[in-house]
Amino acid sequence: MRNNIKENGDLQYEARLKISKKAFEEGCVIRSSVTRTFYTPREFLDSDEKVEIKIYGMQEYSDFTLHYPANAINFKMEELAKSNQQFQDFMKKMLNAFELSPLDKKKKHS
């Protein structure tokens, strides 16, 4: 049983190595569509991500995509802007739900 686990681990490492090498050669970072995490090639190789390759026709697909660093930064900035907007909307809802408002500075010191 232990050999089976080791062999499966070795296959996963080899799969991550293949993707990491390609990313490194192309100057890319790797994004997991499952965990939504960006990795440098080294981080990905050392990660516990599970690589599953699916074959459709003559094409291989996995849950990982390569991105140029500038595109990854833009992606994360868009994600941050969306999260910020969701937080702002949430705060408005909370304040309006109970008719709360931030304390007026004049009233605070009285």
N, C-alpha and C. Protein backbone atom coordinates (compact mmCIF):
# COMPACT_ATOMS: atom_id res chain seq x y z
N MET A 1 0.83 -1.19 0.00
CA MET A 1 0.00 0.00 0.00
C MET A 1 0.87 1.25 0.00
N ARG A 2 1.92 1.25 0.81
CA ARG A 2 2.80 2.42 0.91
C ARG A 2 3.44 2.73 -0.45
N ASN A 3 3.85 1.72 -1.20
CA ASN A 3 4.42 1.95 -2.53
C ASN A 3 3.41 2.61 -3.45
N ASN A 4 2.14 2.18 -3.35
CA ASN A 4 1.08 2.78 -4.16
C ASN A 4 0.96 4.27 -3.89
N ILE A 5 1.00 4.67 -2.61
CA ILE A 5 0.91 6.08 -2.24
C ILE A 5 2.12 6.83 -2.77
N LYS A 6 3.29 6.24 -2.62
CA LYS A 6 4.51 6.88 -3.10
C LYS A 6 4.47 7.05 -4.62
N GLU A 7 4.03 6.03 -5.33
CA GLU A 7 3.96 6.12 -6.79
C GLU A 7 2.97 7.19 -7.22
N ASN A 8 1.80 7.25 -6.57
CA ASN A 8 0.82 8.27 -6.91
C ASN A 8 1.40 9.66 -6.63
N GLY A 9 2.12 9.80 -5.50
CA GLY A 9 2.77 11.06 -5.17
C GLY A 9 3.81 11.44 -6.21
N ASP A 10 4.56 10.45 -6.66
CA ASP A 10 5.57 10.70 -7.69
C ASP A 10 4.91 11.14 -8.99
N LEU A 11 3.77 10.54 -9.34
CA LEU A 11 3.07 10.93 -10.56
C LEU A 11 2.56 12.37 -10.45
N GLN A 12 2.06 12.74 -9.27
CA GLN A 12 1.60 14.11 -9.06
C GLN A 12 2.77 15.08 -9.16
N TYR A 13 3.89 14.72 -8.57
CA TYR A 13 5.07 15.58 -8.64
C TYR A 13 5.50 15.76 -10.09
N GLU A 14 5.53 14.67 -10.83
CA GLU A 14 5.93 14.74 -12.24
C GLU A 14 4.96 15.62 -13.04
N ALA A 15 3.68 15.53 -12.75
CA ALA A 15 2.68 16.36 -13.45
C ALA A 15 2.89 17.84 -13.11
N ARG A 16 3.15 18.14 -11.82
CA ARG A 16 3.42 19.52 -11.42
C ARG A 16 4.72 20.01 -12.02
N LEU A 17 5.71 19.13 -12.11
CA LEU A 17 7.00 19.48 -12.70
C LEU A 17 6.83 19.87 -14.17
N LYS A 18 6.05 19.11 -14.90
CA LYS A 18 5.81 19.39 -16.32
C LYS A 18 5.17 20.78 -16.50
N ILE A 19 4.16 21.07 -15.68
CA ILE A 19 3.49 22.36 -15.77
C ILE A 19 4.42 23.48 -15.32
N SER A 20 5.17 23.25 -14.26
CA SER A 20 6.10 24.25 -13.73
C SER A 20 7.18 24.60 -14.75
N LYS A 21 7.73 23.58 -15.40
CA LYS A 21 8.76 23.82 -16.42
C LYS A 21 8.22 24.66 -17.57
N LYS A 22 7.03 24.31 -18.02
CA LYS A 22 6.42 25.07 -19.12
C LYS A 22 6.19 26.52 -18.71
N ALA A 23 5.67 26.72 -17.50
CA ALA A 23 5.43 28.08 -17.00
C ALA A 23 6.74 28.86 -16.91
N PHE A 24 7.77 28.22 -16.37
CA PHE A 24 9.07 28.89 -16.23
C PHE A 24 9.63 29.28 -17.59
N GLU A 25 9.59 28.35 -18.53
CA GLU A 25 10.13 28.61 -19.88
C GLU A 25 9.38 29.74 -20.58
N GLU A 26 8.08 29.88 -20.29
CA GLU A 26 7.28 30.91 -20.94
C GLU A 26 7.17 32.19 -20.12
N GLY A 27 7.83 32.21 -18.96
CA GLY A 27 7.80 33.40 -18.11
C GLY A 27 6.42 33.66 -17.52
N CYS A 28 5.75 32.57 -17.12
CA CYS A 28 4.38 32.67 -16.63
C CYS A 28 4.26 32.23 -15.18
N VAL A 29 3.11 32.57 -14.59
CA VAL A 29 2.71 32.03 -13.30
C VAL A 29 1.56 31.07 -13.57
N ILE A 30 1.22 30.27 -12.58
CA ILE A 30 0.23 29.21 -12.75
C ILE A 30 -0.97 29.52 -11.86
N ARG A 31 -2.17 29.38 -12.40
CA ARG A 31 -3.39 29.60 -11.62
C ARG A 31 -4.21 28.32 -11.57
N SER A 32 -4.62 27.95 -10.36
CA SER A 32 -5.50 26.81 -10.16
C SER A 32 -6.93 27.30 -10.25
N SER A 33 -7.72 26.71 -11.13
CA SER A 33 -9.12 27.10 -11.23
C SER A 33 -9.93 26.50 -10.08
N VAL A 34 -9.39 25.51 -9.41
CA VAL A 34 -10.08 24.88 -8.28
C VAL A 34 -9.90 25.73 -7.02
N THR A 35 -8.66 26.07 -6.68
CA THR A 35 -8.39 26.83 -5.46
C THR A 35 -8.32 28.34 -5.71
N ARG A 36 -8.32 28.74 -6.98
CA ARG A 36 -8.23 30.15 -7.38
C ARG A 36 -6.95 30.81 -6.86
N THR A 37 -5.89 30.02 -6.82
CA THR A 37 -4.60 30.48 -6.30
C THR A 37 -3.61 30.63 -7.45
N PHE A 38 -2.81 31.71 -7.39
CA PHE A 38 -1.71 31.89 -8.33
C PHE A 38 -0.44 31.38 -7.68
N TYR A 39 0.38 30.70 -8.46
CA TYR A 39 1.65 30.17 -7.99
C TYR A 39 2.77 30.57 -8.93
N THR A 40 3.97 30.81 -8.37
CA THR A 40 5.15 30.87 -9.20
C THR A 40 5.44 29.42 -9.59
N PRO A 41 6.26 29.20 -10.62
CA PRO A 41 6.57 27.80 -10.97
C PRO A 41 7.14 27.00 -9.79
N ARG A 42 8.01 27.60 -8.98
CA ARG A 42 8.60 26.90 -7.83
C ARG A 42 7.53 26.59 -6.78
N GLU A 43 6.67 27.57 -6.47
CA GLU A 43 5.61 27.35 -5.49
C GLU A 43 4.69 26.22 -5.93
N PHE A 44 4.37 26.21 -7.22
CA PHE A 44 3.47 25.17 -7.73
C PHE A 44 4.10 23.80 -7.60
N LEU A 45 5.36 23.70 -7.93
CA LEU A 45 6.06 22.42 -7.83
C LEU A 45 6.06 21.91 -6.39
N ASP A 46 6.20 22.81 -5.44
CA ASP A 46 6.24 22.44 -4.02
C ASP A 46 4.86 22.33 -3.39
N SER A 47 3.82 22.66 -4.13
CA SER A 47 2.46 22.66 -3.57
C SER A 47 1.89 21.25 -3.46
N ASP A 48 0.71 21.19 -2.84
CA ASP A 48 -0.01 19.92 -2.74
C ASP A 48 -1.13 19.83 -3.77
N GLU A 49 -1.10 20.71 -4.76
CA GLU A 49 -2.15 20.69 -5.79
C GLU A 49 -2.16 19.34 -6.50
N LYS A 50 -3.38 18.88 -6.77
CA LYS A 50 -3.56 17.62 -7.49
C LYS A 50 -3.83 17.94 -8.96
N VAL A 51 -3.03 17.37 -9.82
CA VAL A 51 -3.17 17.61 -11.26
C VAL A 51 -3.96 16.47 -11.88
N GLU A 52 -5.07 16.82 -12.52
CA GLU A 52 -5.85 15.85 -13.26
C GLU A 52 -5.90 16.30 -14.71
N ILE A 53 -5.39 15.45 -15.57
CA ILE A 53 -5.37 15.76 -17.00
C ILE A 53 -6.56 15.08 -17.65
N LYS A 54 -7.31 15.87 -18.40
CA LYS A 54 -8.45 15.34 -19.16
C LYS A 54 -8.12 15.49 -20.64
N ILE A 55 -8.47 14.47 -21.41
CA ILE A 55 -8.17 14.51 -22.83
C ILE A 55 -9.48 14.54 -23.61
N TYR A 56 -9.63 15.58 -24.42
CA TYR A 56 -10.78 15.73 -25.31
C TYR A 56 -10.23 15.80 -26.73
N GLY A 57 -10.59 14.79 -27.51
CA GLY A 57 -10.02 14.74 -28.86
C GLY A 57 -8.53 14.55 -28.75
N MET A 58 -7.78 15.47 -29.33
CA MET A 58 -6.32 15.39 -29.27
C MET A 58 -5.74 16.44 -28.32
N GLN A 59 -6.59 17.11 -27.55
CA GLN A 59 -6.14 18.15 -26.63
C GLN A 59 -6.14 17.66 -25.18
N GLU A 60 -5.12 18.08 -24.43
CA GLU A 60 -5.05 17.80 -23.00
C GLU A 60 -5.48 19.05 -22.26
N TYR A 61 -6.29 18.86 -21.22
CA TYR A 61 -6.75 19.97 -20.40
C TYR A 61 -6.52 19.63 -18.93
N SER A 62 -6.23 20.64 -18.15
CA SER A 62 -6.11 20.47 -16.70
C SER A 62 -6.80 21.65 -16.03
N ASP A 63 -6.81 21.63 -14.70
CA ASP A 63 -7.43 22.70 -13.94
C ASP A 63 -6.46 23.85 -13.69
N PHE A 64 -5.41 23.94 -14.48
CA PHE A 64 -4.39 24.97 -14.29
C PHE A 64 -4.17 25.72 -15.59
N THR A 65 -4.03 27.04 -15.46
CA THR A 65 -3.76 27.87 -16.63
C THR A 65 -2.52 28.70 -16.37
N LEU A 66 -1.81 29.00 -17.44
CA LEU A 66 -0.62 29.84 -17.34
C LEU A 66 -1.01 31.28 -17.66
N HIS A 67 -0.47 32.20 -16.89
CA HIS A 67 -0.74 33.63 -17.09
C HIS A 67 0.57 34.39 -17.04
N TYR A 68 0.69 35.42 -17.90
CA TYR A 68 1.83 36.31 -17.77
C TYR A 68 1.63 37.09 -16.47
N PRO A 69 2.72 37.42 -15.77
CA PRO A 69 2.58 38.11 -14.49
C PRO A 69 1.72 39.38 -14.55
N ALA A 70 1.85 40.17 -15.60
CA ALA A 70 1.05 41.40 -15.72
C ALA A 70 -0.45 41.06 -15.76
N ASN A 71 -0.81 40.00 -16.47
CA ASN A 71 -2.21 39.58 -16.52
C ASN A 71 -2.69 39.08 -15.16
N ALA A 72 -1.81 38.37 -14.45
CA ALA A 72 -2.17 37.87 -13.12
C ALA A 72 -2.40 39.04 -12.16
N ILE A 73 -1.57 40.07 -12.26
CA ILE A 73 -1.73 41.25 -11.42
C ILE A 73 -3.05 41.94 -11.73
N ASN A 74 -3.35 42.11 -13.02
CA ASN A 74 -4.64 42.73 -13.41
C ASN A 74 -5.82 41.91 -12.91
N PHE A 75 -5.71 40.61 -13.02
CA PHE A 75 -6.78 39.71 -12.55
C PHE A 75 -7.02 39.92 -11.06
N LYS A 76 -5.94 39.95 -10.27
CA LYS A 76 -6.07 40.13 -8.82
C LYS A 76 -6.59 41.53 -8.48
N MET A 77 -6.20 42.54 -9.26
CA MET A 77 -6.70 43.89 -9.01
C MET A 77 -8.21 43.96 -9.27
N GLU A 78 -8.67 43.31 -10.33
CA GLU A 78 -10.11 43.26 -10.62
C GLU A 78 -10.85 42.52 -9.51
N GLU A 79 -10.28 41.44 -9.05
CA GLU A 79 -10.86 40.66 -7.95
C GLU A 79 -10.96 41.52 -6.68
N LEU A 80 -9.91 42.29 -6.41
CA LEU A 80 -9.89 43.16 -5.24
C LEU A 80 -10.95 44.26 -5.36
N ALA A 81 -11.07 44.86 -6.54
CA ALA A 81 -12.07 45.91 -6.76
C ALA A 81 -13.48 45.35 -6.56
N LYS A 82 -13.72 44.16 -7.07
CA LYS A 82 -15.03 43.52 -6.91
C LYS A 82 -15.31 43.24 -5.44
N SER A 83 -14.32 42.71 -4.73
CA SER A 83 -14.49 42.44 -3.30
C SER A 83 -14.74 43.72 -2.52
N ASN A 84 -14.03 44.78 -2.87
CA ASN A 84 -14.22 46.05 -2.19
C ASN A 84 -15.63 46.57 -2.42
N GLN A 85 -16.13 46.46 -3.66
CA GLN A 85 -17.48 46.91 -3.96
C GLN A 85 -18.51 46.09 -3.19
N GLN A 86 -18.30 44.79 -3.12
CA GLN A 86 -19.20 43.93 -2.35
C GLN A 86 -19.20 44.32 -0.87
N PHE A 87 -18.03 44.66 -0.34
CA PHE A 87 -17.94 45.08 1.06
C PHE A 87 -18.67 46.41 1.27
N GLN A 88 -18.48 47.35 0.35
CA GLN A 88 -19.16 48.65 0.46
C GLN A 88 -20.68 48.46 0.42
N ASP A 89 -21.15 47.62 -0.47
CA ASP A 89 -22.58 47.34 -0.56
C ASP A 89 -23.09 46.70 0.74
N PHE A 90 -22.32 45.79 1.27
CA PHE A 90 -22.67 45.13 2.53
C PHE A 90 -22.76 46.15 3.67
N MET A 91 -21.78 47.04 3.75
CA MET A 91 -21.78 48.05 4.81
C MET A 91 -22.99 48.97 4.70
N LYS A 92 -23.34 49.39 3.49
CA LYS A 92 -24.53 50.23 3.29
C LYS A 92 -25.77 49.50 3.78
N LYS A 93 -25.86 48.22 3.43
CA LYS A 93 -27.02 47.42 3.83
C LYS A 93 -27.11 47.33 5.35
N MET A 94 -25.99 47.09 6.02
CA MET A 94 -25.98 46.98 7.48
C MET A 94 -26.35 48.31 8.12
N LEU A 95 -25.78 49.40 7.63
CA LEU A 95 -26.07 50.70 8.20
C LEU A 95 -27.52 51.10 7.98
N ASN A 96 -28.03 50.81 6.77
CA ASN A 96 -29.42 51.15 6.46
C ASN A 96 -30.42 50.24 7.17
N ALA A 97 -30.07 49.01 7.39
CA ALA A 97 -30.99 48.05 8.01
C ALA A 97 -31.39 48.49 9.41
N PHE A 98 -30.49 49.10 10.12
CA PHE A 98 -30.77 49.51 11.49
C PHE A 98 -30.65 51.03 11.67
N GLU A 99 -30.68 51.72 10.54
CA GLU A 99 -30.56 53.17 10.51
C GLU A 99 -29.38 53.65 11.35
N LEU A 100 -28.26 52.97 11.15
CA LEU A 100 -27.03 53.34 11.83
C LEU A 100 -26.26 54.30 10.96
N SER A 101 -25.49 55.14 11.55
CA SER A 101 -24.61 56.01 10.78
C SER A 101 -23.38 56.26 11.63
N PRO A 102 -22.27 56.57 10.97
CA PRO A 102 -21.06 56.86 11.74
C PRO A 102 -21.32 58.07 12.65
N LEU A 103 -20.68 58.09 13.80
CA LEU A 103 -20.86 59.19 14.73
C LEU A 103 -20.33 60.49 14.15
N ASP A 104 -21.09 61.54 14.33
CA ASP A 104 -20.66 62.87 13.91
C ASP A 104 -19.55 63.29 14.86
N LYS A 105 -18.47 63.85 14.35
CA LYS A 105 -17.34 64.23 15.20
C LYS A 105 -17.75 65.26 16.24
N LYS A 106 -18.67 66.17 15.90
CA LYS A 106 -19.12 67.19 16.85
C LYS A 106 -19.84 66.54 18.02
N LYS A 107 -20.69 65.56 17.74
CA LYS A 107 -21.44 64.89 18.79
C LYS A 107 -20.53 64.02 19.65
N LYS A 108 -19.51 63.49 19.03
CA LYS A 108 -18.60 62.57 19.72
C LYS A 108 -17.89 63.28 20.86
N HIS A 109 -17.52 64.54 20.68
CA HIS A 109 -16.75 65.26 21.68
C HIS A 109 -17.64 65.97 22.70
N SER A 110 -18.91 65.95 22.56
CA SER A 110 -19.81 66.68 23.48
C SER A 110 -19.96 65.96 24.80
